[in-house]
């Protein structure tokens, strides 16, 4: 267990450092702008390109893994969306943000660093596939449901065009696609370029985690919404369990792929959920509270999950 704590503590410690520094220095939220720009447009894309470009092309086309991962994620989204809509009498827009809060994990900022620390380079491909395809689906589902809710005022053609534009211009997805092309072509960057990519990739995790801590500090918890009672267990417990079982039913995957997908499913709610809520003026404060609470509680739940994996108590295939 000491090894697991030693693995997780520095990781969550970077988030804590960002939180504490933001509280002490009291910088405005605008001060985070250039760091976020570096993370989103430079460091994380370099990491995703590096991970994917070195991977055999046959591993990058595992449609069975992609479909199983998306199915598990959207089973939980659908469940929480239905609970919000019918049991809590929420609007379609509110239920959409609730569903995303339970299904949209912090797979961009937290996922690559933690998965690679826990499982090494073999986790690179499942991380890239999960990130790329989950994000593409989230980018499609959110505006589509908001349009249905009436929160999206543009014509349908513009909505579809906006979705496509967001997908094809997102830096992470561009970098992942470039990695696919490099892997297919067998491209190897020249040594100076490879060193630059390595430097940038190494900066991705610490910068992203620090920025995440700052962001949490700048959105203080004002009240605990009732919906937390079912969203938090769904995000931190039900989604990883569902992911584990669905992957077991879907096929015979490498245990590292299964564990990586389960770990990513267990991560706290992504800060993008707040951004989406803010964009449409729906459930903003409660989304912020959900992100903070799931992040704090995930210190315990992720640690326990990694202990179960590393100790062999969690099998790589639930249905051997």
C-alpha atoms as a PDB file:
ATOM      1  CA  UNK A   1       0.000   0.000   0.000  1.00  0.00           C
ATOM      2  CA  UNK A   2       2.940   2.321   0.692  1.00  0.00           C
ATOM      3  CA  UNK A   3       3.964   2.020  -2.975  1.00  0.00           C
ATOM      4  CA  UNK A   4       0.484   3.057  -4.101  1.00  0.00           C
ATOM      5  CA  UNK A   5       0.439   6.042  -1.762  1.00  0.00           C
ATOM      6  CA  UNK A   6       3.883   6.995  -3.049  1.00  0.00           C
ATOM      7  CA  UNK A   7       2.494   6.858  -6.590  1.00  0.00           C
ATOM      8  CA  UNK A   8      -0.693   8.821  -5.924  1.00  0.00           C
ATOM      9  CA  UNK A   9       0.560  11.375  -3.398  1.00  0.00           C
ATOM     10  CA  UNK A  10       2.835  13.380  -5.730  1.00  0.00           C
ATOM     11  CA  UNK A  11       0.131  13.303  -8.379  1.00  0.00           C
ATOM     12  CA  UNK A  12      -2.618  14.737  -6.199  1.00  0.00           C
ATOM     13  CA  UNK A  13       0.030  16.815  -4.404  1.00  0.00           C
ATOM     14  CA  UNK A  14       0.462  18.882  -7.577  1.00  0.00           C
ATOM     15  CA  UNK A  15      -3.270  19.650  -7.526  1.00  0.00           C
ATOM     16  CA  UNK A  16      -3.002  20.623  -3.861  1.00  0.00           C
ATOM     17  CA  UNK A  17      -0.020  22.888  -4.587  1.00  0.00           C
ATOM     18  CA  UNK A  18      -1.988  24.669  -7.285  1.00  0.00           C
ATOM     19  CA  UNK A  19      -4.924  25.079  -4.913  1.00  0.00           C
ATOM     20  CA  UNK A  20      -2.793  26.433  -2.044  1.00  0.00           C
ATOM     21  CA  UNK A  21      -0.764  28.803  -4.232  1.00  0.00           C
ATOM     22  CA  UNK A  22      -3.957  30.201  -5.750  1.00  0.00           C
ATOM     23  CA  UNK A  23      -5.389  30.809  -2.283  1.00  0.00           C
ATOM     24  CA  UNK A  24      -2.198  32.523  -1.075  1.00  0.00           C
ATOM     25  CA  UNK A  25      -1.403  34.695  -4.067  1.00  0.00           C
ATOM     26  CA  UNK A  26      -5.031  35.551  -4.950  1.00  0.00           C
ATOM     27  CA  UNK A  27      -4.272  36.017  -8.628  1.00  0.00           C
ATOM     28  CA  UNK A  28      -7.262  36.689 -10.884  1.00  0.00           C
ATOM     29  CA  UNK A  29      -8.562  33.869 -13.036  1.00  0.00           C
ATOM     30  CA  UNK A  30      -7.163  35.623 -16.122  1.00  0.00           C
ATOM     31  CA  UNK A  31      -3.639  34.978 -14.801  1.00  0.00           C
ATOM     32  CA  UNK A  32      -4.103  31.302 -15.629  1.00  0.00           C
ATOM     33  CA  UNK A  33      -4.657  32.034 -19.314  1.00  0.00           C
ATOM     34  CA  UNK A  34      -1.181  31.494 -20.739  1.00  0.00           C
ATOM     35  CA  UNK A  35      -0.543  28.385 -18.646  1.00  0.00           C
ATOM     36  CA  UNK A  36      -3.786  26.862 -19.928  1.00  0.00           C
ATOM     37  CA  UNK A  37      -2.786  27.835 -23.459  1.00  0.00           C
ATOM     38  CA  UNK A  38       0.557  26.058 -23.047  1.00  0.00           C
ATOM     39  CA  UNK A  39      -1.137  22.945 -21.628  1.00  0.00           C
ATOM     40  CA  UNK A  40      -3.939  22.706 -24.188  1.00  0.00           C
ATOM     41  CA  UNK A  41      -2.096  23.767 -27.342  1.00  0.00           C
ATOM     42  CA  UNK A  42       1.487  22.598 -26.707  1.00  0.00           C
ATOM     43  CA  UNK A  43       2.246  20.222 -23.826  1.00  0.00           C
ATOM     44  CA  UNK A  44      -0.656  17.746 -23.890  1.00  0.00           C
ATOM     45  CA  UNK A  45      -0.751  17.565 -27.714  1.00  0.00           C
ATOM     46  CA  UNK A  46       2.986  16.751 -27.646  1.00  0.00           C
ATOM     47  CA  UNK A  47       2.281  13.994 -25.117  1.00  0.00           C
ATOM     48  CA  UNK A  48      -0.560  12.484 -27.158  1.00  0.00           C
ATOM     49  CA  UNK A  49       1.485  12.608 -30.378  1.00  0.00           C
ATOM     50  CA  UNK A  50       4.427  10.949 -28.657  1.00  0.00           C
ATOM     51  CA  UNK A  51       2.254   8.170 -27.204  1.00  0.00           C
ATOM     52  CA  UNK A  52       0.379   7.348 -30.393  1.00  0.00           C
ATOM     53  CA  UNK A  53       3.196   7.762 -32.934  1.00  0.00           C
ATOM     54  CA  UNK A  54       5.244   4.974 -31.343  1.00  0.00           C
ATOM     55  CA  UNK A  55       2.363   2.485 -31.339  1.00  0.00           C
ATOM     56  CA  UNK A  56       1.894  -0.333 -33.882  1.00  0.00           C
ATOM     57  CA  UNK A  57      -0.998   0.655 -36.153  1.00  0.00           C
ATOM     58  CA  UNK A  58      -2.973  -2.549 -35.480  1.00  0.00           C
ATOM     59  CA  UNK A  59      -3.333  -1.529 -31.826  1.00  0.00           C
ATOM     60  CA  UNK A  60      -4.789   1.839 -32.822  1.00  0.00           C
ATOM     61  CA  UNK A  61      -7.723   0.290 -34.679  1.00  0.00           C
ATOM     62  CA  UNK A  62      -9.321  -1.709 -31.850  1.00  0.00           C
ATOM     63  CA  UNK A  63     -12.932  -0.826 -32.612  1.00  0.00           C
ATOM     64  CA  UNK A  64     -14.155  -3.400 -30.071  1.00  0.00           C
ATOM     65  CA  UNK A  65     -12.337  -1.595 -27.270  1.00  0.00           C
ATOM     66  CA  UNK A  66     -13.598   1.821 -28.404  1.00  0.00           C
ATOM     67  CA  UNK A  67     -17.226   0.648 -28.621  1.00  0.00           C
ATOM     68  CA  UNK A  68     -17.065  -1.079 -25.229  1.00  0.00           C
ATOM     69  CA  UNK A  69     -15.555   1.985 -23.559  1.00  0.00           C
ATOM     70  CA  UNK A  70     -18.120   4.377 -25.059  1.00  0.00           C
ATOM     71  CA  UNK A  71     -20.973   1.990 -24.179  1.00  0.00           C
ATOM     72  CA  UNK A  72     -19.983   1.858 -20.500  1.00  0.00           C
ATOM     73  CA  UNK A  73     -19.555   5.629 -20.314  1.00  0.00           C
ATOM     74  CA  UNK A  74     -22.922   6.370 -21.874  1.00  0.00           C
ATOM     75  CA  UNK A  75     -24.771   3.739 -19.855  1.00  0.00           C
ATOM     76  CA  UNK A  76     -23.926   5.880 -16.824  1.00  0.00           C
ATOM     77  CA  UNK A  77     -24.660   9.111 -18.673  1.00  0.00           C
ATOM     78  CA  UNK A  78     -28.086   7.756 -19.668  1.00  0.00           C
ATOM     79  CA  UNK A  79     -28.838   6.578 -16.142  1.00  0.00           C
ATOM     80  CA  UNK A  80     -28.018   9.918 -14.497  1.00  0.00           C
ATOM     81  CA  UNK A  81     -29.727  11.861 -17.298  1.00  0.00           C
ATOM     82  CA  UNK A  82     -32.899   9.817 -16.694  1.00  0.00           C
ATOM     83  CA  UNK A  83     -32.702  10.272 -12.901  1.00  0.00           C
ATOM     84  CA  UNK A  84     -32.283  14.011 -13.313  1.00  0.00           C
ATOM     85  CA  UNK A  85     -35.070  14.299 -15.871  1.00  0.00           C
ATOM     86  CA  UNK A  86     -37.733  12.109 -14.295  1.00  0.00           C
ATOM     87  CA  UNK A  87     -36.928  11.803 -10.596  1.00  0.00           C
ATOM     88  CA  UNK A  88     -35.540  15.287  -9.960  1.00  0.00           C
ATOM     89  CA  UNK A  89     -37.816  16.966 -12.539  1.00  0.00           C
ATOM     90  CA  UNK A  90     -34.837  18.761 -14.062  1.00  0.00           C
ATOM     91  CA  UNK A  91     -34.896  20.385 -17.483  1.00  0.00           C
ATOM     92  CA  UNK A  92     -33.185  18.625 -20.390  1.00  0.00           C
ATOM     93  CA  UNK A  93     -30.297  21.097 -20.093  1.00  0.00           C
ATOM     94  CA  UNK A  94     -29.849  20.475 -16.363  1.00  0.00           C
ATOM     95  CA  UNK A  95     -30.118  16.705 -16.810  1.00  0.00           C
ATOM     96  CA  UNK A  96     -27.490  16.879 -19.574  1.00  0.00           C
ATOM     97  CA  UNK A  97     -24.958  18.587 -17.288  1.00  0.00           C
ATOM     98  CA  UNK A  98     -25.776  16.097 -14.518  1.00  0.00           C
ATOM     99  CA  UNK A  99     -25.178  13.203 -16.930  1.00  0.00           C
ATOM    100  CA  UNK A 100     -21.873  14.696 -18.053  1.00  0.00           C
ATOM    101  CA  UNK A 101     -20.846  15.247 -14.420  1.00  0.00           C
ATOM    102  CA  UNK A 102     -21.214  11.490 -13.870  1.00  0.00           C
ATOM    103  CA  UNK A 103     -19.698  10.333 -17.174  1.00  0.00           C
ATOM    104  CA  UNK A 104     -17.128  12.946 -18.268  1.00  0.00           C
ATOM    105  CA  UNK A 105     -13.972  12.283 -16.274  1.00  0.00           C
ATOM    106  CA  UNK A 106     -10.819  14.368 -16.152  1.00  0.00           C
ATOM    107  CA  UNK A 107      -9.197  12.188 -18.794  1.00  0.00           C
ATOM    108  CA  UNK A 108      -7.255  15.046 -20.392  1.00  0.00           C
ATOM    109  CA  UNK A 109      -5.475  16.690 -17.468  1.00  0.00           C
ATOM    110  CA  UNK A 110      -5.244  13.722 -15.089  1.00  0.00           C
ATOM    111  CA  UNK A 111      -5.582  10.636 -17.267  1.00  0.00           C
ATOM    112  CA  UNK A 112      -2.307  10.398 -19.206  1.00  0.00           C
ATOM    113  CA  UNK A 113      -0.007  11.240 -16.293  1.00  0.00           C
ATOM    114  CA  UNK A 114      -1.614   8.893 -13.791  1.00  0.00           C
ATOM    115  CA  UNK A 115      -2.113   5.980 -16.203  1.00  0.00           C
ATOM    116  CA  UNK A 116       1.487   6.144 -17.433  1.00  0.00           C
ATOM    117  CA  UNK A 117       2.797   6.363 -13.881  1.00  0.00           C
ATOM    118  CA  UNK A 118       0.698   3.379 -12.835  1.00  0.00           C
ATOM    119  CA  UNK A 119       1.049   1.090 -15.870  1.00  0.00           C
ATOM    120  CA  UNK A 120       3.914   2.481 -17.949  1.00  0.00           C
ATOM    121  CA  UNK A 121       4.115   2.845 -21.742  1.00  0.00           C
ATOM    122  CA  UNK A 122       1.642  -0.019 -22.474  1.00  0.00           C
ATOM    123  CA  UNK A 123      -1.106   2.288 -21.180  1.00  0.00           C
ATOM    124  CA  UNK A 124      -0.387   4.863 -23.892  1.00  0.00           C
ATOM    125  CA  UNK A 125      -2.693   3.480 -26.572  1.00  0.00           C
ATOM    126  CA  UNK A 126      -5.810   2.916 -24.443  1.00  0.00           C
ATOM    127  CA  UNK A 127      -5.330   6.384 -22.925  1.00  0.00           C
ATOM    128  CA  UNK A 128      -5.228   7.967 -26.389  1.00  0.00           C
ATOM    129  CA  UNK A 129      -8.217   5.976 -27.660  1.00  0.00           C
ATOM    130  CA  UNK A 130     -10.349   6.683 -24.592  1.00  0.00           C
ATOM    131  CA  UNK A 131      -9.515  10.366 -24.645  1.00  0.00           C
ATOM    132  CA  UNK A 132     -10.020  10.859 -28.366  1.00  0.00           C
ATOM    133  CA  UNK A 133     -13.313   9.016 -28.813  1.00  0.00           C
ATOM    134  CA  UNK A 134     -14.933   9.964 -25.502  1.00  0.00           C
ATOM    135  CA  UNK A 135     -14.232  13.625 -26.114  1.00  0.00           C
ATOM    136  CA  UNK A 136     -15.579  13.457 -29.655  1.00  0.00           C
ATOM    137  CA  UNK A 137     -18.827  11.970 -28.353  1.00  0.00           C
ATOM    138  CA  UNK A 138     -19.092  14.509 -25.514  1.00  0.00           C
ATOM    139  CA  UNK A 139     -18.582  17.305 -28.050  1.00  0.00           C
ATOM    140  CA  UNK A 140     -21.531  15.893 -30.033  1.00  0.00           C
ATOM    141  CA  UNK A 141     -23.916  14.982 -27.209  1.00  0.00           C
ATOM    142  CA  UNK A 142     -23.755  18.256 -25.258  1.00  0.00           C
ATOM    143  CA  UNK A 143     -24.728  20.667 -28.065  1.00  0.00           C
ATOM    144  CA  UNK A 144     -27.262  18.205 -29.519  1.00  0.00           C
ATOM    145  CA  UNK A 145     -29.137  17.876 -26.217  1.00  0.00           C
ATOM    146  CA  UNK A 146     -28.835  21.593 -25.492  1.00  0.00           C
ATOM    147  CA  UNK A 147     -30.404  22.250 -28.898  1.00  0.00           C
ATOM    148  CA  UNK A 148     -33.234  19.893 -27.938  1.00  0.00           C
ATOM    149  CA  UNK A 149     -33.589  21.757 -24.643  1.00  0.00           C
ATOM    150  CA  UNK A 150     -33.827  25.090 -26.416  1.00  0.00           C
ATOM    151  CA  UNK A 151     -30.580  26.373 -24.933  1.00  0.00           C
ATOM    152  CA  UNK A 152     -28.965  26.389 -28.354  1.00  0.00           C
ATOM    153  CA  UNK A 153     -30.438  29.156 -30.509  1.00  0.00           C
ATOM    154  CA  UNK A 154     -28.529  28.556 -33.742  1.00  0.00           C
ATOM    155  CA  UNK A 155     -30.016  26.749 -36.769  1.00  0.00           C
ATOM    156  CA  UNK A 156     -29.402  22.991 -36.853  1.00  0.00           C
ATOM    157  CA  UNK A 157     -26.946  23.231 -39.737  1.00  0.00           C
ATOM    158  CA  UNK A 158     -24.830  25.688 -37.759  1.00  0.00           C
ATOM    159  CA  UNK A 159     -24.967  23.429 -34.700  1.00  0.00           C
ATOM    160  CA  UNK A 160     -23.730  20.440 -36.702  1.00  0.00           C
ATOM    161  CA  UNK A 161     -21.048  22.580 -38.319  1.00  0.00           C
ATOM    162  CA  UNK A 162     -19.968  23.833 -34.894  1.00  0.00           C
ATOM    163  CA  UNK A 163     -19.705  20.273 -33.575  1.00  0.00           C
ATOM    164  CA  UNK A 164     -17.583  19.161 -36.526  1.00  0.00           C
ATOM    165  CA  UNK A 165     -15.387  22.251 -36.234  1.00  0.00           C
ATOM    166  CA  UNK A 166     -14.832  21.681 -32.508  1.00  0.00           C
ATOM    167  CA  UNK A 167     -13.820  18.068 -33.130  1.00  0.00           C
ATOM    168  CA  UNK A 168     -11.473  18.608 -36.073  1.00  0.00           C
ATOM    169  CA  UNK A 169      -9.775  21.678 -34.564  1.00  0.00           C
ATOM    170  CA  UNK A 170      -9.290  20.451 -30.998  1.00  0.00           C
ATOM    171  CA  UNK A 171      -5.511  20.367 -30.331  1.00  0.00           C
ATOM    172  CA  UNK A 172      -5.637  17.006 -28.530  1.00  0.00           C
ATOM    173  CA  UNK A 173      -7.535  15.348 -31.367  1.00  0.00           C
ATOM    174  CA  UNK A 174      -5.298  16.919 -34.022  1.00  0.00           C
ATOM    175  CA  UNK A 175      -2.222  15.647 -32.160  1.00  0.00           C
ATOM    176  CA  UNK A 176      -3.738  12.179 -31.790  1.00  0.00           C
ATOM    177  CA  UNK A 177      -4.634  12.097 -35.499  1.00  0.00           C
ATOM    178  CA  UNK A 178      -1.093  13.200 -36.374  1.00  0.00           C
ATOM    179  CA  UNK A 179       0.175  10.369 -34.179  1.00  0.00           C
ATOM    180  CA  UNK A 180      -2.014   7.903 -36.106  1.00  0.00           C
ATOM    181  CA  UNK A 181      -0.532   9.141 -39.390  1.00  0.00           C
ATOM    182  CA  UNK A 182       3.015   8.943 -38.016  1.00  0.00           C
ATOM    183  CA  UNK A 183       2.428   5.425 -36.724  1.00  0.00           C
ATOM    184  CA  UNK A 184       0.953   4.329 -40.064  1.00  0.00           C
ATOM    185  CA  UNK A 185       3.804   5.889 -42.063  1.00  0.00           C
ATOM    186  CA  UNK A 186       6.522   4.734 -39.691  1.00  0.00           C
ATOM    187  CA  UNK A 187       7.655   8.352 -39.274  1.00  0.00           C
ATOM    188  CA  UNK A 188      10.400   9.027 -36.733  1.00  0.00           C
ATOM    189  CA  UNK A 189      11.211  12.676 -35.875  1.00  0.00           C
ATOM    190  CA  UNK A 190      14.810  13.847 -36.128  1.00  0.00           C
ATOM    191  CA  UNK A 191      16.677  13.715 -32.827  1.00  0.00           C
ATOM    192  CA  UNK A 192      16.397  17.466 -31.994  1.00  0.00           C
ATOM    193  CA  UNK A 193      12.656  17.460 -32.747  1.00  0.00           C
ATOM    194  CA  UNK A 194      12.170  14.289 -30.714  1.00  0.00           C
ATOM    195  CA  UNK A 195      13.949  15.889 -27.736  1.00  0.00           C
ATOM    196  CA  UNK A 196      11.667  18.930 -27.995  1.00  0.00           C
ATOM    197  CA  UNK A 197       8.589  16.672 -28.075  1.00  0.00           C
ATOM    198  CA  UNK A 198       9.938  14.783 -25.048  1.00  0.00           C
ATOM    199  CA  UNK A 199      10.502  17.994 -23.063  1.00  0.00           C
ATOM    200  CA  UNK A 200       7.019  19.251 -23.820  1.00  0.00           C
ATOM    201  CA  UNK A 201       5.433  15.881 -23.033  1.00  0.00           C
ATOM    202  CA  UNK A 202       7.226  15.753 -19.680  1.00  0.00           C
ATOM    203  CA  UNK A 203       5.807  19.175 -18.785  1.00  0.00           C
ATOM    204  CA  UNK A 204       2.216  18.161 -19.562  1.00  0.00           C
ATOM    205  CA  UNK A 205       1.231  16.339 -16.371  1.00  0.00           C
ATOM    206  CA  UNK A 206       2.698  18.706 -13.719  1.00  0.00           C
ATOM    207  CA  UNK A 207       1.451  21.833 -15.492  1.00  0.00           C
ATOM    208  CA  UNK A 208      -2.014  20.381 -16.056  1.00  0.00           C
ATOM    209  CA  UNK A 209      -2.364  19.224 -12.452  1.00  0.00           C
ATOM    210  CA  UNK A 210      -1.144  22.539 -11.057  1.00  0.00           C
ATOM    211  CA  UNK A 211      -3.590  24.431 -13.286  1.00  0.00           C
ATOM    212  CA  UNK A 212      -6.381  22.132 -12.165  1.00  0.00           C
ATOM    213  CA  UNK A 213      -5.649  22.945  -8.512  1.00  0.00           C
ATOM    214  CA  UNK A 214      -5.673  26.675  -9.274  1.00  0.00           C
ATOM    215  CA  UNK A 215      -8.997  26.322 -11.092  1.00  0.00           C
ATOM    216  CA  UNK A 216     -10.560  24.503  -8.139  1.00  0.00           C
ATOM    217  CA  UNK A 217      -9.376  27.261  -5.770  1.00  0.00           C
ATOM    218  CA  UNK A 218     -10.920  29.960  -7.958  1.00  0.00           C
ATOM    219  CA  UNK A 219     -14.319  28.247  -7.838  1.00  0.00           C
ATOM    220  CA  UNK A 220     -15.063  27.966  -4.106  1.00  0.00           C
ATOM    221  CA  UNK A 221     -17.768  25.579  -2.873  1.00  0.00           C
ATOM    222  CA  UNK A 222     -20.786  27.686  -1.942  1.00  0.00           C
ATOM    223  CA  UNK A 223     -23.354  24.957  -1.400  1.00  0.00           C
ATOM    224  CA  UNK A 224     -23.641  21.206  -1.791  1.00  0.00           C
ATOM    225  CA  UNK A 225     -26.361  20.320  -4.293  1.00  0.00           C
ATOM    226  CA  UNK A 226     -28.750  17.476  -3.548  1.00  0.00           C
ATOM    227  CA  UNK A 227     -27.805  15.824  -6.817  1.00  0.00           C
ATOM    228  CA  UNK A 228     -24.330  15.150  -5.426  1.00  0.00           C
ATOM    229  CA  UNK A 229     -25.909  12.233  -3.553  1.00  0.00           C
ATOM    230  CA  UNK A 230     -26.262  10.207  -6.750  1.00  0.00           C
ATOM    231  CA  UNK A 231     -23.776  11.858  -9.129  1.00  0.00           C
ATOM    232  CA  UNK A 232     -20.666  11.324  -6.982  1.00  0.00           C
ATOM    233  CA  UNK A 233     -21.210   7.568  -6.403  1.00  0.00           C
ATOM    234  CA  UNK A 234     -22.048   7.168 -10.087  1.00  0.00           C
ATOM    235  CA  UNK A 235     -18.843   8.916 -11.182  1.00  0.00           C
ATOM    236  CA  UNK A 236     -16.348   7.489  -8.709  1.00  0.00           C
ATOM    237  CA  UNK A 237     -17.798   3.994  -8.148  1.00  0.00           C
ATOM    238  CA  UNK A 238     -20.500   2.945 -10.604  1.00  0.00           C
ATOM    239  CA  UNK A 239     -18.739   4.084 -13.789  1.00  0.00           C
ATOM    240  CA  UNK A 240     -15.457   2.221 -13.116  1.00  0.00           C
ATOM    241  CA  UNK A 241     -17.370  -0.919 -12.087  1.00  0.00           C
ATOM    242  CA  UNK A 242     -19.520  -0.694 -15.234  1.00  0.00           C
ATOM    243  CA  UNK A 243     -16.418  -0.131 -17.366  1.00  0.00           C
ATOM    244  CA  UNK A 244     -14.756  -3.203 -15.861  1.00  0.00           C
ATOM    245  CA  UNK A 245     -17.777  -5.436 -16.497  1.00  0.00           C
ATOM    246  CA  UNK A 246     -18.536  -4.151 -20.016  1.00  0.00           C
ATOM    247  CA  UNK A 247     -14.914  -4.602 -21.130  1.00  0.00           C
ATOM    248  CA  UNK A 248     -14.993  -8.106 -19.673  1.00  0.00           C
ATOM    249  CA  UNK A 249     -18.119  -8.941 -21.656  1.00  0.00           C
ATOM    250  CA  UNK A 250     -16.931  -7.263 -24.870  1.00  0.00           C
ATOM    251  CA  UNK A 251     -13.758  -9.191 -25.518  1.00  0.00           C
ATOM    252  CA  UNK A 252     -10.417 -10.546 -24.445  1.00  0.00           C
ATOM    253  CA  UNK A 253      -8.422  -7.345 -23.902  1.00  0.00           C
ATOM    254  CA  UNK A 254      -4.927  -6.979 -22.506  1.00  0.00           C
ATOM    255  CA  UNK A 255      -5.228  -6.478 -18.727  1.00  0.00           C
ATOM    256  CA  UNK A 256      -3.328  -3.172 -19.002  1.00  0.00           C
ATOM    257  CA  UNK A 257      -5.996  -1.891 -21.406  1.00  0.00           C
ATOM    258  CA  UNK A 258      -8.773  -2.949 -19.039  1.00  0.00           C
ATOM    259  CA  UNK A 259      -7.092  -1.428 -15.989  1.00  0.00           C
ATOM    260  CA  UNK A 260      -6.295   1.784 -17.869  1.00  0.00           C
ATOM    261  CA  UNK A 261      -9.905   2.235 -18.993  1.00  0.00           C
ATOM    262  CA  UNK A 262     -11.170   1.499 -15.475  1.00  0.00           C
ATOM    263  CA  UNK A 263      -8.697   3.963 -13.954  1.00  0.00           C
ATOM    264  CA  UNK A 264      -9.739   6.694 -16.400  1.00  0.00           C
ATOM    265  CA  UNK A 265     -13.387   5.947 -15.620  1.00  0.00           C
ATOM    266  CA  UNK A 266     -12.648   6.406 -11.900  1.00  0.00           C
ATOM    267  CA  UNK A 267     -11.226   9.915 -12.310  1.00  0.00           C
ATOM    268  CA  UNK A 268     -13.192  12.907 -10.975  1.00  0.00           C
ATOM    269  CA  UNK A 269     -15.525  15.050 -13.049  1.00  0.00           C
ATOM    270  CA  UNK A 270     -13.776  17.045 -15.779  1.00  0.00           C
ATOM    271  CA  UNK A 271     -13.567  20.818 -15.498  1.00  0.00           C
ATOM    272  CA  UNK A 272     -15.039  20.910 -19.016  1.00  0.00           C
ATOM    273  CA  UNK A 273     -18.419  20.086 -17.458  1.00  0.00           C
ATOM    274  CA  UNK A 274     -18.378  23.482 -15.732  1.00  0.00           C
ATOM    275  CA  UNK A 275     -17.300  25.114 -19.003  1.00  0.00           C
ATOM    276  CA  UNK A 276     -20.247  23.533 -20.844  1.00  0.00           C
ATOM    277  CA  UNK A 277     -22.638  24.580 -18.086  1.00  0.00           C
ATOM    278  CA  UNK A 278     -21.265  28.116 -18.228  1.00  0.00           C
ATOM    279  CA  UNK A 279     -21.547  28.204 -22.016  1.00  0.00           C
ATOM    280  CA  UNK A 280     -25.270  27.417 -21.862  1.00  0.00           C
ATOM    281  CA  UNK A 281     -26.030  29.116 -18.538  1.00  0.00           C
ATOM    282  CA  UNK A 282     -27.152  25.832 -16.942  1.00  0.00           C
ATOM    283  CA  UNK A 283     -26.207  24.205 -13.605  1.00  0.00           C
ATOM    284  CA  UNK A 284     -22.916  26.155 -13.357  1.00  0.00           C
ATOM    285  CA  UNK A 285     -22.480  26.480  -9.589  1.00  0.00           C
ATOM    286  CA  UNK A 286     -23.544  22.900  -8.944  1.00  0.00           C
ATOM    287  CA  UNK A 287     -21.223  21.623 -11.679  1.00  0.00           C
ATOM    288  CA  UNK A 288     -18.358  23.463  -9.982  1.00  0.00           C
ATOM    289  CA  UNK A 289     -19.282  21.873  -6.640  1.00  0.00           C
ATOM    290  CA  UNK A 290     -19.383  18.429  -8.253  1.00  0.00           C
ATOM    291  CA  UNK A 291     -15.896  18.878  -9.714  1.00  0.00           C
ATOM    292  CA  UNK A 292     -14.446  19.935  -6.363  1.00  0.00           C
ATOM    293  CA  UNK A 293     -16.125  17.167  -4.339  1.00  0.00           C
ATOM    294  CA  UNK A 294     -15.294  14.367  -6.785  1.00  0.00           C
ATOM    295  CA  UNK A 295     -11.684  15.569  -6.992  1.00  0.00           C
ATOM    296  CA  UNK A 296     -11.264  15.517  -3.206  1.00  0.00           C
ATOM    297  CA  UNK A 297     -12.943  12.123  -2.790  1.00  0.00           C
ATOM    298  CA  UNK A 298     -11.039  10.615  -5.718  1.00  0.00           C
ATOM    299  CA  UNK A 299      -7.834  10.799  -3.680  1.00  0.00           C
ATOM    300  CA  UNK A 300      -9.265   7.893  -1.656  1.00  0.00           C
ATOM    301  CA  UNK A 301     -11.158   6.043  -4.389  1.00  0.00           C
ATOM    302  CA  UNK A 302      -8.327   6.129  -6.948  1.00  0.00           C
ATOM    303  CA  UNK A 303      -5.829   5.029  -4.297  1.00  0.00           C
ATOM    304  CA  UNK A 304      -8.035   2.064  -3.359  1.00  0.00           C
ATOM    305  CA  UNK A 305      -8.547   1.131  -7.012  1.00  0.00           C
ATOM    306  CA  UNK A 306      -4.807   1.169  -7.714  1.00  0.00           C
ATOM    307  CA  UNK A 307      -4.213  -0.945  -4.607  1.00  0.00           C
ATOM    308  CA  UNK A 308      -6.740  -3.529  -5.835  1.00  0.00           C
ATOM    309  CA  UNK A 309      -5.044  -3.613  -9.240  1.00  0.00           C
ATOM    310  CA  UNK A 310      -1.436  -3.682  -8.060  1.00  0.00           C
ATOM    311  CA  UNK A 311      -2.091  -6.280  -5.353  1.00  0.00           C
ATOM    312  CA  UNK A 312      -3.752  -8.625  -7.831  1.00  0.00           C
ATOM    313  CA  UNK A 313      -7.112  -8.497  -6.057  1.00  0.00           C
ATOM    314  CA  UNK A 314      -8.714  -7.168  -9.246  1.00  0.00           C
ATOM    315  CA  UNK A 315      -8.310  -9.569 -12.158  1.00  0.00           C
ATOM    316  CA  UNK A 316      -7.533  -8.313 -15.647  1.00  0.00           C
ATOM    317  CA  UNK A 317     -10.589 -10.192 -16.941  1.00  0.00           C
ATOM    318  CA  UNK A 318     -13.755 -10.290 -14.799  1.00  0.00           C
ATOM    319  CA  UNK A 319     -15.045 -13.307 -16.752  1.00  0.00           C
ATOM    320  CA  UNK A 320     -12.060 -15.642 -17.231  1.00  0.00           C
END
